[in-house]
Amino acid sequence: MLDGLAADPLRRIAEALERLAPPPPPVPDFRGAAFAWHAEPDRLVPVDKVSRVDLTLLLGVDRARDTLLANTRAFARGFPANNALLWGARGMGKSSLVKAVHAAVRAEESSLKIVEVSREDLPSIGRCLTLLRGAPGRFILFCDDLSFSHDDAHYKSLKAVLDGGIEGRPENVVLYATSNRRHLMPRDMIENERSSAISPSEAVEEKVSLSDRFGLWLGFHPCTQDEYLSMIRGYCDAFGIEIDDQTLWAEAIEWQATRGSRSGRVAWQYVTDLAGRRGVKLG
């Protein structure tokens, strides 16, 4: 009798805890081409329209384009492929290249999909991999603008993708990340840790070596003025913006001077302004 009385409160507690527990996440519909990963609660949100430009409009990055395209084609066809780190000058098309390559290869292999993961959601990346491991299709896990500060432990979560632990990285997942920093952390921070640590060589090894786990390093460097002007002319031709070369060069160079920099992003910003003034729609 006492056993029954004792069991009843325990059963009520168990039932209350079960009601408080979050429901299991819904099974995603993997028929789409692009998704965004969000944590708490964990879910894959379909992206109906990806913001991107055509691969042919990305100029001045020929080597990176060809290397990433070949790696992605191999992955989409079920062959071995490397994780890739696209690093270097800001505004030179690193994230644009990832999205453009995905679109180009998906036109050939419809099973290829892309999942964007924000840096803030990296601690949940293991749960995302578990979801993708048994999913139909091949997945590019895309993390844009990746970098780490001195006391940032998010880089440890990234090892689940790069190394995969005892399970290994899912065969149907590859990671593409972009960063302005080749070692994913500022150089002055690396030097500070080396100078203040008891064992300087070990102080930064764990963080710096993270970038070594990417099989492909693709560098992006500031463009020349000729490349900058070629980008703008290419955009104008692609979107039907009629303007003579002399006027275009003069305006584009003035735009570059007011921005204090020259890059693919600055070129696109000028074209956006020009299209607005000329009454031409982009896209």
C-alpha atoms as a PDB file:
ATOM      1  CA  MET A   1       0.000   0.000   0.000  1.00  0.00           C
ATOM      2  CA  LEU A   2       2.827   2.343   0.892  1.00  0.00           C
ATOM      3  CA  ASP A   3       4.547   1.474  -2.408  1.00  0.00           C
ATOM      4  CA  GLY A   4       1.423   2.539  -4.293  1.00  0.00           C
ATOM      5  CA  LEU A   5       1.181   5.808  -2.381  1.00  0.00           C
ATOM      6  CA  ALA A   6       4.832   6.576  -3.042  1.00  0.00           C
ATOM      7  CA  ALA A   7       4.534   5.750  -6.727  1.00  0.00           C
ATOM      8  CA  ASP A   8       1.573   8.058  -7.303  1.00  0.00           C
ATOM      9  CA  PRO A   9       3.413  11.351  -6.550  1.00  0.00           C
ATOM     10  CA  LEU A  10       6.383  10.158  -8.585  1.00  0.00           C
ATOM     11  CA  ARG A  11       4.109   9.389 -11.514  1.00  0.00           C
ATOM     12  CA  ARG A  12       2.505  12.844 -11.293  1.00  0.00           C
ATOM     13  CA  ILE A  13       5.948  14.471 -11.211  1.00  0.00           C
ATOM     14  CA  ALA A  14       7.032  12.462 -14.250  1.00  0.00           C
ATOM     15  CA  GLU A  15       3.876  13.433 -16.144  1.00  0.00           C
ATOM     16  CA  ALA A  16       4.373  17.115 -15.247  1.00  0.00           C
ATOM     17  CA  LEU A  17       7.977  17.032 -16.463  1.00  0.00           C
ATOM     18  CA  GLU A  18       6.876  15.400 -19.686  1.00  0.00           C
ATOM     19  CA  ARG A  19       4.345  18.190 -20.277  1.00  0.00           C
ATOM     20  CA  LEU A  20       7.056  20.812 -19.672  1.00  0.00           C
ATOM     21  CA  ALA A  21       9.536  19.157 -22.019  1.00  0.00           C
ATOM     22  CA  PRO A  22       9.715  20.773 -25.479  1.00  0.00           C
ATOM     23  CA  PRO A  23       8.108  18.776 -28.271  1.00  0.00           C
ATOM     24  CA  PRO A  24      10.452  17.020 -30.687  1.00  0.00           C
ATOM     25  CA  PRO A  25      11.440  19.205 -33.645  1.00  0.00           C
ATOM     26  CA  PRO A  26       9.367  18.670 -36.784  1.00  0.00           C
ATOM     27  CA  VAL A  27      10.957  16.610 -39.541  1.00  0.00           C
ATOM     28  CA  PRO A  28      12.195  19.077 -42.183  1.00  0.00           C
ATOM     29  CA  ASP A  29      11.016  18.966 -45.745  1.00  0.00           C
ATOM     30  CA  PHE A  30      14.272  18.434 -47.619  1.00  0.00           C
ATOM     31  CA  ARG A  31      12.810  19.046 -51.064  1.00  0.00           C
ATOM     32  CA  GLY A  32      14.111  22.635 -51.104  1.00  0.00           C
ATOM     33  CA  ALA A  33      17.500  23.838 -52.312  1.00  0.00           C
ATOM     34  CA  ALA A  34      18.474  26.115 -49.422  1.00  0.00           C
ATOM     35  CA  PHE A  35      17.905  26.259 -45.676  1.00  0.00           C
ATOM     36  CA  ALA A  36      18.849  28.357 -42.655  1.00  0.00           C
ATOM     37  CA  TRP A  37      19.683  26.584 -39.387  1.00  0.00           C
ATOM     38  CA  HIS A  38      18.297  28.086 -36.163  1.00  0.00           C
ATOM     39  CA  ALA A  39      18.741  26.848 -32.607  1.00  0.00           C
ATOM     40  CA  GLU A  40      16.468  26.957 -29.555  1.00  0.00           C
ATOM     41  CA  PRO A  41      14.336  25.441 -30.838  1.00  0.00           C
ATOM     42  CA  ASP A  42      16.383  23.530 -33.385  1.00  0.00           C
ATOM     43  CA  ARG A  43      14.945  23.813 -36.865  1.00  0.00           C
ATOM     44  CA  LEU A  44      15.840  24.032 -40.534  1.00  0.00           C
ATOM     45  CA  VAL A  45      13.952  26.861 -42.193  1.00  0.00           C
ATOM     46  CA  PRO A  46      13.563  26.634 -45.997  1.00  0.00           C
ATOM     47  CA  VAL A  47      14.829  29.644 -47.960  1.00  0.00           C
ATOM     48  CA  ASP A  48      12.680  30.105 -51.038  1.00  0.00           C
ATOM     49  CA  LYS A  49      14.905  32.653 -52.777  1.00  0.00           C
ATOM     50  CA  VAL A  50      18.647  32.873 -52.158  1.00  0.00           C
ATOM     51  CA  SER A  51      20.263  36.299 -52.562  1.00  0.00           C
ATOM     52  CA  ARG A  52      23.034  35.690 -55.098  1.00  0.00           C
ATOM     53  CA  VAL A  53      24.586  36.713 -58.394  1.00  0.00           C
ATOM     54  CA  ASP A  54      25.375  34.596 -61.420  1.00  0.00           C
ATOM     55  CA  LEU A  55      28.749  32.870 -61.396  1.00  0.00           C
ATOM     56  CA  THR A  56      29.738  34.521 -64.683  1.00  0.00           C
ATOM     57  CA  LEU A  57      29.473  37.978 -63.060  1.00  0.00           C
ATOM     58  CA  LEU A  58      32.153  37.264 -60.461  1.00  0.00           C
ATOM     59  CA  LEU A  59      35.349  38.591 -62.027  1.00  0.00           C
ATOM     60  CA  GLY A  60      38.906  38.686 -60.712  1.00  0.00           C
ATOM     61  CA  VAL A  61      38.539  35.465 -58.683  1.00  0.00           C
ATOM     62  CA  ASP A  62      39.184  32.934 -61.437  1.00  0.00           C
ATOM     63  CA  ARG A  63      41.480  30.577 -59.512  1.00  0.00           C
ATOM     64  CA  ALA A  64      39.254  30.460 -56.421  1.00  0.00           C
ATOM     65  CA  ARG A  65      36.181  30.023 -58.631  1.00  0.00           C
ATOM     66  CA  ASP A  66      37.626  27.099 -60.584  1.00  0.00           C
ATOM     67  CA  THR A  67      38.980  25.351 -57.467  1.00  0.00           C
ATOM     68  CA  LEU A  68      35.746  25.666 -55.498  1.00  0.00           C
ATOM     69  CA  LEU A  69      33.663  24.670 -58.509  1.00  0.00           C
ATOM     70  CA  ALA A  70      35.699  21.464 -59.027  1.00  0.00           C
ATOM     71  CA  ASN A  71      35.535  20.594 -55.313  1.00  0.00           C
ATOM     72  CA  THR A  72      31.778  21.162 -55.198  1.00  0.00           C
ATOM     73  CA  ARG A  73      31.146  19.114 -58.334  1.00  0.00           C
ATOM     74  CA  ALA A  74      33.086  16.202 -56.857  1.00  0.00           C
ATOM     75  CA  PHE A  75      31.115  16.440 -53.609  1.00  0.00           C
ATOM     76  CA  ALA A  76      27.736  16.672 -55.377  1.00  0.00           C
ATOM     77  CA  ARG A  77      28.560  13.543 -57.373  1.00  0.00           C
ATOM     78  CA  GLY A  78      29.385  11.548 -54.244  1.00  0.00           C
ATOM     79  CA  PHE A  79      33.177  11.692 -54.501  1.00  0.00           C
ATOM     80  CA  PRO A  80      35.639  12.890 -51.816  1.00  0.00           C
ATOM     81  CA  ALA A  81      35.770  16.669 -51.290  1.00  0.00           C
ATOM     82  CA  ASN A  82      37.471  19.071 -48.901  1.00  0.00           C
ATOM     83  CA  ASN A  83      36.088  21.589 -46.458  1.00  0.00           C
ATOM     84  CA  ALA A  84      36.968  25.058 -47.771  1.00  0.00           C
ATOM     85  CA  LEU A  85      38.003  28.316 -46.088  1.00  0.00           C
ATOM     86  CA  LEU A  86      37.609  31.414 -48.259  1.00  0.00           C
ATOM     87  CA  TRP A  87      39.646  34.178 -46.631  1.00  0.00           C
ATOM     88  CA  GLY A  88      40.979  37.611 -47.474  1.00  0.00           C
ATOM     89  CA  ALA A  89      39.993  41.123 -48.479  1.00  0.00           C
ATOM     90  CA  ARG A  90      36.505  42.237 -47.571  1.00  0.00           C
ATOM     91  CA  GLY A  91      33.992  42.805 -50.331  1.00  0.00           C
ATOM     92  CA  MET A  92      35.795  40.618 -52.872  1.00  0.00           C
ATOM     93  CA  GLY A  93      32.999  38.091 -53.325  1.00  0.00           C
ATOM     94  CA  LYS A  94      33.782  35.277 -50.885  1.00  0.00           C
ATOM     95  CA  SER A  95      30.198  34.597 -49.793  1.00  0.00           C
ATOM     96  CA  SER A  96      28.884  35.476 -53.264  1.00  0.00           C
ATOM     97  CA  LEU A  97      31.151  32.807 -54.743  1.00  0.00           C
ATOM     98  CA  VAL A  98      29.880  30.103 -52.372  1.00  0.00           C
ATOM     99  CA  LYS A  99      26.245  30.848 -53.244  1.00  0.00           C
ATOM    100  CA  ALA A 100      26.962  31.177 -56.967  1.00  0.00           C
ATOM    101  CA  VAL A 101      28.882  27.884 -57.059  1.00  0.00           C
ATOM    102  CA  HIS A 102      26.033  26.143 -55.237  1.00  0.00           C
ATOM    103  CA  ALA A 103      23.552  27.386 -57.848  1.00  0.00           C
ATOM    104  CA  ALA A 104      25.804  26.405 -60.771  1.00  0.00           C
ATOM    105  CA  VAL A 105      26.440  22.879 -59.496  1.00  0.00           C
ATOM    106  CA  ARG A 106      22.839  22.340 -58.397  1.00  0.00           C
ATOM    107  CA  ALA A 107      21.799  22.975 -62.003  1.00  0.00           C
ATOM    108  CA  GLU A 108      23.847  19.851 -62.821  1.00  0.00           C
ATOM    109  CA  GLU A 109      23.180  17.810 -59.661  1.00  0.00           C
ATOM    110  CA  SER A 110      19.758  18.535 -58.140  1.00  0.00           C
ATOM    111  CA  SER A 111      20.593  16.717 -54.887  1.00  0.00           C
ATOM    112  CA  LEU A 112      22.969  19.514 -53.807  1.00  0.00           C
ATOM    113  CA  LYS A 113      21.606  21.782 -51.062  1.00  0.00           C
ATOM    114  CA  ILE A 114      23.027  24.592 -48.935  1.00  0.00           C
ATOM    115  CA  VAL A 115      22.451  25.210 -45.224  1.00  0.00           C
ATOM    116  CA  GLU A 116      23.527  28.544 -43.732  1.00  0.00           C
ATOM    117  CA  VAL A 117      24.636  28.492 -40.092  1.00  0.00           C
ATOM    118  CA  SER A 118      25.236  31.745 -38.236  1.00  0.00           C
ATOM    119  CA  ARG A 119      28.279  32.072 -36.018  1.00  0.00           C
ATOM    120  CA  GLU A 120      26.035  32.482 -32.958  1.00  0.00           C
ATOM    121  CA  ASP A 121      24.461  29.066 -33.591  1.00  0.00           C
ATOM    122  CA  LEU A 122      27.761  27.168 -33.825  1.00  0.00           C
ATOM    123  CA  PRO A 123      27.325  25.528 -30.384  1.00  0.00           C
ATOM    124  CA  SER A 124      24.306  23.663 -31.803  1.00  0.00           C
ATOM    125  CA  ILE A 125      26.163  22.474 -34.908  1.00  0.00           C
ATOM    126  CA  GLY A 126      26.421  18.900 -33.620  1.00  0.00           C
ATOM    127  CA  ARG A 127      22.638  18.613 -33.506  1.00  0.00           C
ATOM    128  CA  CYS A 128      22.416  20.015 -37.030  1.00  0.00           C
ATOM    129  CA  LEU A 129      24.864  17.365 -38.254  1.00  0.00           C
ATOM    130  CA  THR A 130      22.796  14.639 -36.606  1.00  0.00           C
ATOM    131  CA  LEU A 131      19.750  15.877 -38.513  1.00  0.00           C
ATOM    132  CA  LEU A 132      21.597  16.028 -41.830  1.00  0.00           C
ATOM    133  CA  ARG A 133      23.387  12.698 -41.442  1.00  0.00           C
ATOM    134  CA  GLY A 134      20.386  10.660 -42.465  1.00  0.00           C
ATOM    135  CA  ALA A 135      18.777  13.232 -44.735  1.00  0.00           C
ATOM    136  CA  PRO A 136      18.398  12.752 -48.492  1.00  0.00           C
ATOM    137  CA  GLY A 137      20.769  14.881 -50.560  1.00  0.00           C
ATOM    138  CA  ARG A 138      24.234  16.438 -50.301  1.00  0.00           C
ATOM    139  CA  PHE A 139      24.637  19.479 -48.043  1.00  0.00           C
ATOM    140  CA  ILE A 140      27.024  22.440 -48.110  1.00  0.00           C
ATOM    141  CA  LEU A 141      27.135  23.790 -44.564  1.00  0.00           C
ATOM    142  CA  PHE A 142      27.865  27.502 -45.053  1.00  0.00           C
ATOM    143  CA  CYS A 143      29.175  29.773 -42.285  1.00  0.00           C
ATOM    144  CA  ASP A 144      29.742  33.371 -43.380  1.00  0.00           C
ATOM    145  CA  ASP A 145      32.149  35.873 -41.794  1.00  0.00           C
ATOM    146  CA  LEU A 146      33.709  33.400 -39.383  1.00  0.00           C
ATOM    147  CA  SER A 147      36.133  34.728 -36.748  1.00  0.00           C
ATOM    148  CA  PHE A 148      36.904  34.250 -33.061  1.00  0.00           C
ATOM    149  CA  SER A 149      37.922  36.538 -30.215  1.00  0.00           C
ATOM    150  CA  HIS A 150      40.287  35.844 -27.310  1.00  0.00           C
ATOM    151  CA  ASP A 151      37.754  34.231 -24.964  1.00  0.00           C
ATOM    152  CA  ASP A 152      35.500  32.751 -27.648  1.00  0.00           C
ATOM    153  CA  ALA A 153      34.888  29.017 -27.277  1.00  0.00           C
ATOM    154  CA  HIS A 154      32.656  28.708 -30.353  1.00  0.00           C
ATOM    155  CA  TYR A 155      35.611  27.389 -32.342  1.00  0.00           C
ATOM    156  CA  LYS A 156      35.413  24.145 -30.352  1.00  0.00           C
ATOM    157  CA  SER A 157      31.948  23.482 -31.775  1.00  0.00           C
ATOM    158  CA  LEU A 158      33.330  23.827 -35.283  1.00  0.00           C
ATOM    159  CA  LYS A 159      35.559  20.818 -34.760  1.00  0.00           C
ATOM    160  CA  ALA A 160      32.438  18.646 -34.896  1.00  0.00           C
ATOM    161  CA  VAL A 161      32.170  19.556 -38.562  1.00  0.00           C
ATOM    162  CA  LEU A 162      35.875  19.504 -39.400  1.00  0.00           C
ATOM    163  CA  ASP A 163      36.887  16.416 -37.420  1.00  0.00           C
ATOM    164  CA  GLY A 164      33.563  14.775 -36.629  1.00  0.00           C
ATOM    165  CA  GLY A 165      34.656  12.999 -33.437  1.00  0.00           C
ATOM    166  CA  ILE A 166      34.379   9.219 -33.358  1.00  0.00           C
ATOM    167  CA  GLU A 167      31.426   9.261 -35.753  1.00  0.00           C
ATOM    168  CA  GLY A 168      33.282  11.277 -38.357  1.00  0.00           C
ATOM    169  CA  ARG A 169      31.842  14.062 -40.454  1.00  0.00           C
ATOM    170  CA  PRO A 170      28.675  12.935 -42.239  1.00  0.00           C
ATOM    171  CA  GLU A 171      29.535  11.703 -45.714  1.00  0.00           C
ATOM    172  CA  ASN A 172      26.845  13.942 -47.189  1.00  0.00           C
ATOM    173  CA  VAL A 173      28.058  17.192 -45.549  1.00  0.00           C
ATOM    174  CA  VAL A 174      30.906  19.562 -46.412  1.00  0.00           C
ATOM    175  CA  LEU A 175      31.729  22.892 -44.730  1.00  0.00           C
ATOM    176  CA  TYR A 176      32.427  26.140 -46.592  1.00  0.00           C
ATOM    177  CA  ALA A 177      33.335  29.138 -44.419  1.00  0.00           C
ATOM    178  CA  THR A 178      34.360  32.709 -45.215  1.00  0.00           C
ATOM    179  CA  SER A 179      36.548  34.968 -43.106  1.00  0.00           C
ATOM    180  CA  ASN A 180      38.592  38.136 -43.429  1.00  0.00           C
ATOM    181  CA  ARG A 181      41.300  36.374 -41.397  1.00  0.00           C
ATOM    182  CA  ARG A 182      43.384  33.455 -42.600  1.00  0.00           C
ATOM    183  CA  HIS A 183      43.748  32.034 -39.069  1.00  0.00           C
ATOM    184  CA  LEU A 184      40.232  33.048 -37.971  1.00  0.00           C
ATOM    185  CA  MET A 185      41.566  35.338 -35.228  1.00  0.00           C
ATOM    186  CA  PRO A 186      43.322  38.738 -35.323  1.00  0.00           C
ATOM    187  CA  ARG A 187      47.113  38.725 -35.728  1.00  0.00           C
ATOM    188  CA  ASP A 188      47.622  41.058 -32.748  1.00  0.00           C
ATOM    189  CA  MET A 189      45.650  38.626 -30.580  1.00  0.00           C
ATOM    190  CA  ILE A 190      47.888  35.773 -31.701  1.00  0.00           C
ATOM    191  CA  GLU A 191      51.002  37.782 -30.843  1.00  0.00           C
ATOM    192  CA  ASN A 192      49.602  38.836 -27.451  1.00  0.00           C
ATOM    193  CA  GLU A 193      48.864  35.262 -26.455  1.00  0.00           C
ATOM    194  CA  ARG A 194      52.313  34.138 -27.566  1.00  0.00           C
ATOM    195  CA  SER A 195      54.072  36.866 -25.577  1.00  0.00           C
ATOM    196  CA  SER A 196      52.068  36.394 -22.362  1.00  0.00           C
ATOM    197  CA  ALA A 197      51.727  32.615 -22.191  1.00  0.00           C
ATOM    198  CA  ILE A 198      53.938  30.286 -20.163  1.00  0.00           C
ATOM    199  CA  SER A 199      54.154  27.998 -23.177  1.00  0.00           C
ATOM    200  CA  PRO A 200      53.885  30.382 -26.149  1.00  0.00           C
ATOM    201  CA  SER A 201      53.829  27.681 -28.813  1.00  0.00           C
ATOM    202  CA  GLU A 202      50.837  25.982 -27.178  1.00  0.00           C
ATOM    203  CA  ALA A 203      48.929  29.151 -26.275  1.00  0.00           C
ATOM    204  CA  VAL A 204      47.495  29.729 -29.725  1.00  0.00           C
ATOM    205  CA  GLU A 205      47.979  26.306 -31.267  1.00  0.00           C
ATOM    206  CA  GLU A 206      44.418  25.130 -30.665  1.00  0.00           C
ATOM    207  CA  LYS A 207      42.783  28.179 -32.234  1.00  0.00           C
ATOM    208  CA  VAL A 208      45.260  28.748 -35.055  1.00  0.00           C
ATOM    209  CA  SER A 209      45.293  25.078 -36.025  1.00  0.00           C
ATOM    210  CA  LEU A 210      41.544  25.199 -36.606  1.00  0.00           C
ATOM    211  CA  SER A 211      42.124  26.816 -39.991  1.00  0.00           C
ATOM    212  CA  ASP A 212      44.581  24.011 -40.833  1.00  0.00           C
ATOM    213  CA  ARG A 213      41.680  21.574 -40.708  1.00  0.00           C
ATOM    214  CA  PHE A 214      40.229  23.093 -43.875  1.00  0.00           C
ATOM    215  CA  GLY A 215      41.524  21.155 -46.865  1.00  0.00           C
ATOM    216  CA  LEU A 216      41.161  24.145 -49.200  1.00  0.00           C
ATOM    217  CA  TRP A 217      42.408  27.656 -48.470  1.00  0.00           C
ATOM    218  CA  LEU A 218      41.242  30.107 -51.109  1.00  0.00           C
ATOM    219  CA  GLY A 219      42.713  33.597 -50.827  1.00  0.00           C
ATOM    220  CA  PHE A 220      40.957  36.778 -51.984  1.00  0.00           C
ATOM    221  CA  HIS A 221      43.028  39.905 -52.524  1.00  0.00           C
ATOM    222  CA  PRO A 222      42.197  43.562 -53.289  1.00  0.00           C
ATOM    223  CA  CYS A 223      41.347  44.072 -56.956  1.00  0.00           C
ATOM    224  CA  THR A 224      43.169  46.336 -59.382  1.00  0.00           C
ATOM    225  CA  GLN A 225      41.466  49.317 -60.958  1.00  0.00           C
ATOM    226  CA  ASP A 226      41.176  47.462 -64.277  1.00  0.00           C
ATOM    227  CA  GLU A 227      39.457  44.540 -62.528  1.00  0.00           C
ATOM    228  CA  TYR A 228      37.162  46.942 -60.675  1.00  0.00           C
ATOM    229  CA  LEU A 229      36.106  48.648 -63.913  1.00  0.00           C
ATOM    230  CA  SER A 230      35.681  45.274 -65.652  1.00  0.00           C
ATOM    231  CA  MET A 231      33.321  44.157 -62.877  1.00  0.00           C
ATOM    232  CA  ILE A 232      31.180  47.251 -63.377  1.00  0.00           C
ATOM    233  CA  ARG A 233      31.100  46.910 -67.165  1.00  0.00           C
ATOM    234  CA  GLY A 234      30.136  43.247 -66.769  1.00  0.00           C
ATOM    235  CA  TYR A 235      27.236  44.146 -64.481  1.00  0.00           C
ATOM    236  CA  CYS A 236      26.052  46.893 -66.828  1.00  0.00           C
ATOM    237  CA  ASP A 237      26.094  44.559 -69.833  1.00  0.00           C
ATOM    238  CA  ALA A 238      24.328  41.780 -67.919  1.00  0.00           C
ATOM    239  CA  PHE A 239      21.491  44.003 -66.694  1.00  0.00           C
ATOM    240  CA  GLY A 240      21.131  46.141 -69.811  1.00  0.00           C
ATOM    241  CA  ILE A 241      22.332  49.436 -68.338  1.00  0.00           C
ATOM    242  CA  GLU A 242      23.334  51.594 -71.288  1.00  0.00           C
ATOM    243  CA  ILE A 243      26.250  53.964 -70.575  1.00  0.00           C
ATOM    244  CA  ASP A 244      29.320  54.888 -72.601  1.00  0.00           C
ATOM    245  CA  ASP A 245      32.758  53.848 -71.365  1.00  0.00           C
ATOM    246  CA  GLN A 246      34.069  57.355 -70.758  1.00  0.00           C
ATOM    247  CA  THR A 247      31.157  58.322 -68.499  1.00  0.00           C
ATOM    248  CA  LEU A 248      31.229  54.955 -66.762  1.00  0.00           C
ATOM    249  CA  TRP A 249      34.968  55.094 -65.991  1.00  0.00           C
ATOM    250  CA  ALA A 250      34.739  58.673 -64.677  1.00  0.00           C
ATOM    251  CA  GLU A 251      31.761  57.948 -62.407  1.00  0.00           C
ATOM    252  CA  ALA A 252      33.109  54.614 -61.193  1.00  0.00           C
ATOM    253  CA  ILE A 253      36.494  56.058 -60.264  1.00  0.00           C
ATOM    254  CA  GLU A 254      34.849  58.956 -58.438  1.00  0.00           C
ATOM    255  CA  TRP A 255      32.599  56.486 -56.586  1.00  0.00           C
ATOM    256  CA  GLN A 256      35.646  54.458 -55.573  1.00  0.00           C
ATOM    257  CA  ALA A 257      37.389  57.601 -54.292  1.00  0.00           C
ATOM    258  CA  THR A 258      34.427  58.602 -52.129  1.00  0.00           C
ATOM    259  CA  ARG A 259      34.277  55.100 -50.621  1.00  0.00           C
ATOM    260  CA  GLY A 260      38.006  55.023 -49.912  1.00  0.00           C
ATOM    261  CA  SER A 261      38.278  51.455 -51.203  1.00  0.00           C
ATOM    262  CA  ARG A 262      37.994  49.347 -54.333  1.00  0.00           C
ATOM    263  CA  SER A 263      36.330  45.917 -54.328  1.00  0.00           C
ATOM    264  CA  GLY A 264      33.590  43.844 -55.882  1.00  0.00           C
ATOM    265  CA  ARG A 265      31.177  45.112 -53.234  1.00  0.00           C
ATOM    266  CA  VAL A 266      31.979  48.740 -54.058  1.00  0.00           C
ATOM    267  CA  ALA A 267      31.508  47.945 -57.765  1.00  0.00           C
ATOM    268  CA  TRP A 268      28.057  46.473 -57.073  1.00  0.00           C
ATOM    269  CA  GLN A 269      27.085  49.459 -54.928  1.00  0.00           C
ATOM    270  CA  TYR A 270      27.960  51.793 -57.788  1.00  0.00           C
ATOM    271  CA  VAL A 271      25.953  49.686 -60.258  1.00  0.00           C
ATOM    272  CA  THR A 272      22.976  49.741 -57.870  1.00  0.00           C
ATOM    273  CA  ASP A 273      23.165  53.537 -57.739  1.00  0.00           C
ATOM    274  CA  LEU A 274      23.554  53.777 -61.514  1.00  0.00           C
ATOM    275  CA  ALA A 275      20.609  51.452 -62.162  1.00  0.00           C
ATOM    276  CA  GLY A 276      18.425  53.522 -59.841  1.00  0.00           C
ATOM    277  CA  ARG A 277      19.343  56.730 -61.645  1.00  0.00           C
ATOM    278  CA  ARG A 278      18.775  55.146 -65.082  1.00  0.00           C
ATOM    279  CA  GLY A 279      15.501  53.438 -64.099  1.00  0.00           C
ATOM    280  CA  VAL A 280      16.769  49.900 -64.683  1.00  0.00           C
ATOM    281  CA  LYS A 281      15.717  46.985 -62.460  1.00  0.00           C
ATOM    282  CA  LEU A 282      18.337  44.551 -61.230  1.00  0.00           C
ATOM    283  CA  GLY A 283      17.375  40.889 -61.155  1.00  0.00           C
END
